[in-house]
Amino acid sequence: MRELHFKDYFWNGELTSTGGYDCIIQHLNDGKRTCKEIEDFMKARASIEEKYAKELLGLSKKVCGHNEMNTLKRSLDMFKLQTEHVSLSHLQLAQTMRDEAKKLEDFRERQKETRKKVEQQMDALHKQRATQFKKTMEVNWRTFQFFFVKPAVIIPELSNPELIICSLKACLVSGIMLPKHEAVL
């Protein structure tokens, strides 16, 4: 069996099929899951960045080369200052990542509420469509019986299913109203 592509779910011959809708819902659920994974990833990364920043800040406060003088002392002081700046940058990055993760979480919650409303509406529409289809098929069956099953008692050729379907199609295409037949029993 060949694998269906996204576009293939929308071309189904069955009138009551919800394959396209189901496919979209599946993609939305996959997107929701991916969004949650990215959110968790960003929170974990922010935690790691914060831990790293604190360790760098602690390292920059340690005494290093306090007995040195002149250019080596200035170089070591600059090295410690740059380490402190890097640690502050990592702290800022951690905070930015937490803020973005929070925005992503808020987005997911809004999507959840919107999706719930739309899914309820679509489920109601699908039920209504299925009910209407069922009613239509019942009417078609009664019409079929009225015009072709009862007359088959009188006209034997009408008991051939292929002939019946061909006649029905011809009448529908041409717009001819079929005469009312009453079986004589």
Protein backbone atom coordinates (compact mmCIF):
# COMPACT_ATOMS: atom_id res chain seq x y z
CA MET A 1 0.00 0.00 0.00
CA ARG A 2 1.41 3.37 -0.91
CA GLU A 3 1.83 6.09 1.67
CA LEU A 4 -0.56 9.02 1.35
CA HIS A 5 0.76 12.55 1.10
CA PHE A 6 -0.93 15.47 2.84
CA LYS A 7 -2.70 16.57 -0.35
CA ASP A 8 -4.09 13.06 -0.94
CA TYR A 9 -6.28 13.15 2.16
CA PHE A 10 -8.57 15.74 0.57
CA TRP A 11 -9.45 13.77 -2.57
CA ASN A 12 -11.75 11.07 -1.38
CA GLY A 13 -14.74 9.74 -3.30
CA GLU A 14 -16.73 9.06 -0.16
CA LEU A 15 -19.10 11.94 0.57
CA THR A 16 -19.07 11.58 4.34
CA SER A 17 -15.30 11.20 4.62
CA THR A 18 -13.52 13.42 7.12
CA GLY A 19 -10.04 12.36 6.01
CA GLY A 20 -8.89 15.88 5.16
CA TYR A 21 -10.18 17.30 8.43
CA ASP A 22 -8.63 14.43 10.39
CA CYS A 23 -5.32 15.03 8.62
CA ILE A 24 -5.37 18.73 9.53
CA ILE A 25 -6.20 17.90 13.15
CA GLN A 26 -3.27 15.45 13.21
CA HIS A 27 -0.93 18.14 11.87
CA LEU A 28 -2.23 20.59 14.50
CA ASN A 29 -1.64 18.03 17.26
CA ASP A 30 1.87 17.37 15.94
CA GLY A 31 2.48 21.13 15.92
CA LYS A 32 1.23 21.42 19.51
CA ARG A 33 3.59 18.63 20.57
CA THR A 34 6.53 20.26 18.75
CA CYS A 35 5.71 23.62 20.33
CA LYS A 36 5.78 22.00 23.79
CA GLU A 37 9.11 20.32 23.01
CA ILE A 38 10.64 23.64 21.90
CA GLU A 39 9.30 25.33 25.03
CA ASP A 40 10.86 22.64 27.26
CA PHE A 41 14.12 22.85 25.31
CA MET A 42 14.29 26.63 25.76
CA LYS A 43 13.59 26.35 29.50
CA ALA A 44 16.31 23.72 29.92
CA ARG A 45 18.76 25.80 27.89
CA ALA A 46 17.94 28.90 29.98
CA SER A 47 18.62 26.93 33.15
CA ILE A 48 21.98 25.74 31.81
CA GLU A 49 22.92 29.26 30.68
CA GLU A 50 22.04 30.66 34.10
CA LYS A 51 24.10 28.02 35.89
CA TYR A 52 27.05 28.67 33.56
CA ALA A 53 26.72 32.44 34.06
CA LYS A 54 26.78 32.08 37.86
CA GLU A 55 29.87 29.89 37.70
CA LEU A 56 31.61 32.40 35.40
CA LEU A 57 30.67 35.27 37.72
CA GLY A 58 32.06 33.36 40.69
CA LEU A 59 35.24 32.68 38.71
CA SER A 60 35.64 36.35 37.81
CA LYS A 61 35.56 37.31 41.54
CA LYS A 62 38.39 34.97 42.47
CA VAL A 63 41.72 36.49 43.25
CA CYS A 64 44.14 36.00 40.41
CA GLY A 65 47.61 37.53 40.12
CA HIS A 66 47.27 39.99 43.02
CA ASN A 67 51.06 40.00 43.45
CA GLU A 68 51.66 40.98 39.83
CA MET A 69 52.21 44.50 38.62
CA ASN A 70 52.21 46.67 35.52
CA THR A 71 50.97 45.17 32.23
CA LEU A 72 50.47 41.63 33.52
CA LYS A 73 48.32 42.92 36.41
CA ARG A 74 46.26 45.07 33.98
CA SER A 75 45.92 42.10 31.62
CA LEU A 76 44.70 39.81 34.42
CA ASP A 77 42.24 42.49 35.64
CA MET A 78 40.92 42.91 32.08
CA PHE A 79 40.65 39.12 31.74
CA LYS A 80 38.54 38.94 34.93
CA LEU A 81 36.41 41.90 33.77
CA GLN A 82 35.77 40.25 30.40
CA THR A 83 34.81 37.00 32.17
CA GLU A 84 32.32 38.99 34.26
CA HIS A 85 30.86 40.59 31.10
CA VAL A 86 30.50 37.15 29.47
CA SER A 87 28.72 35.85 32.57
CA LEU A 88 26.32 38.82 32.47
CA SER A 89 25.66 38.14 28.79
CA HIS A 90 24.79 34.55 29.60
CA LEU A 91 22.46 35.70 32.39
CA GLN A 92 20.76 38.05 29.96
CA LEU A 93 20.46 35.25 27.38
CA ALA A 94 18.95 32.96 30.03
CA GLN A 95 16.34 35.60 30.91
CA THR A 96 15.53 36.24 27.23
CA MET A 97 15.07 32.51 26.64
CA ARG A 98 12.74 32.23 29.64
CA ASP A 99 10.69 35.17 28.32
CA GLU A 100 10.42 33.56 24.88
CA ALA A 101 9.46 30.23 26.44
CA LYS A 102 6.71 32.03 28.39
CA LYS A 103 5.43 33.64 25.17
CA LEU A 104 5.41 30.22 23.53
CA GLU A 105 3.47 28.77 26.45
CA ASP A 106 0.91 31.59 26.24
CA PHE A 107 0.58 30.99 22.49
CA ARG A 108 -0.01 27.28 23.10
CA GLU A 109 -2.74 28.02 25.63
CA ARG A 110 -4.52 30.44 23.26
CA GLN A 111 -4.29 27.86 20.48
CA LYS A 112 -5.72 25.22 22.79
CA GLU A 113 -8.80 27.33 23.54
CA THR A 114 -9.31 28.30 19.90
CA ARG A 115 -8.83 24.72 18.70
CA LYS A 116 -11.36 23.44 21.23
CA LYS A 117 -14.04 25.85 19.95
CA VAL A 118 -13.36 25.08 16.29
CA GLU A 119 -13.28 21.31 16.86
CA GLN A 120 -16.65 21.43 18.62
CA GLN A 121 -18.15 23.36 15.71
CA MET A 122 -16.62 21.01 13.14
CA ASP A 123 -17.80 17.91 15.01
CA ALA A 124 -21.34 19.31 15.04
CA LEU A 125 -21.11 20.03 11.30
CA HIS A 126 -19.80 16.53 10.56
CA LYS A 127 -22.66 14.97 12.52
CA GLN A 128 -25.16 17.18 10.71
CA ARG A 129 -23.66 16.26 7.32
CA ALA A 130 -23.74 12.55 8.15
CA THR A 131 -27.38 12.82 9.25
CA GLN A 132 -28.35 14.71 6.10
CA PHE A 133 -26.49 12.17 3.94
CA LYS A 134 -28.30 9.32 5.68
CA LYS A 135 -31.69 11.01 5.12
CA THR A 136 -30.84 11.63 1.46
CA MET A 137 -29.86 8.01 0.96
CA GLU A 138 -33.11 6.84 2.58
CA VAL A 139 -35.14 9.09 0.26
CA ASN A 140 -33.13 7.84 -2.71
CA TRP A 141 -33.77 4.24 -1.70
CA ARG A 142 -37.49 4.85 -1.33
CA THR A 143 -37.55 6.58 -4.73
CA PHE A 144 -35.61 3.71 -6.24
CA GLN A 145 -38.04 1.20 -4.81
CA PHE A 146 -41.06 3.21 -5.96
CA PHE A 147 -39.90 3.64 -9.55
CA PHE A 148 -37.96 0.43 -10.17
CA VAL A 149 -38.75 -2.31 -7.71
CA LYS A 150 -42.55 -2.14 -7.87
CA PRO A 151 -42.59 -1.70 -11.70
CA ALA A 152 -40.29 -4.72 -12.05
CA VAL A 153 -43.27 -6.88 -11.26
CA ILE A 154 -44.96 -5.50 -14.39
CA ILE A 155 -41.88 -4.87 -16.58
CA PRO A 156 -39.27 -7.68 -16.10
CA GLU A 157 -36.45 -5.70 -17.81
CA LEU A 158 -36.43 -3.33 -14.81
CA SER A 159 -35.11 -6.10 -12.58
CA ASN A 160 -31.68 -5.81 -14.26
CA PRO A 161 -29.55 -3.59 -11.90
CA GLU A 162 -27.31 -2.26 -14.69
CA LEU A 163 -30.32 -1.20 -16.74
CA ILE A 164 -31.87 0.45 -13.68
CA ILE A 165 -28.75 2.48 -12.89
CA CYS A 166 -28.34 3.49 -16.52
CA SER A 167 -31.99 4.59 -16.66
CA LEU A 168 -31.66 6.55 -13.44
CA LYS A 169 -28.58 8.38 -14.70
CA ALA A 170 -30.26 9.19 -18.00
CA CYS A 171 -33.32 10.59 -16.23
CA LEU A 172 -31.23 12.64 -13.84
CA VAL A 173 -29.03 14.06 -16.60
CA SER A 174 -31.94 14.94 -18.88
CA GLY A 175 -34.17 16.19 -16.07
CA ILE A 176 -37.01 13.87 -17.05
CA MET A 177 -39.50 13.19 -14.30
CA LEU A 178 -40.21 9.50 -14.04
CA PRO A 179 -43.86 8.41 -14.26
CA LYS A 180 -45.51 6.96 -11.22
CA HIS A 181 -45.88 3.18 -11.54
CA GLU A 182 -48.26 1.16 -9.48
CA ALA A 183 -47.77 -2.55 -9.31
CA VAL A 184 -50.80 -4.65 -9.96
CA LEU A 185 -50.78 -7.47 -7.49
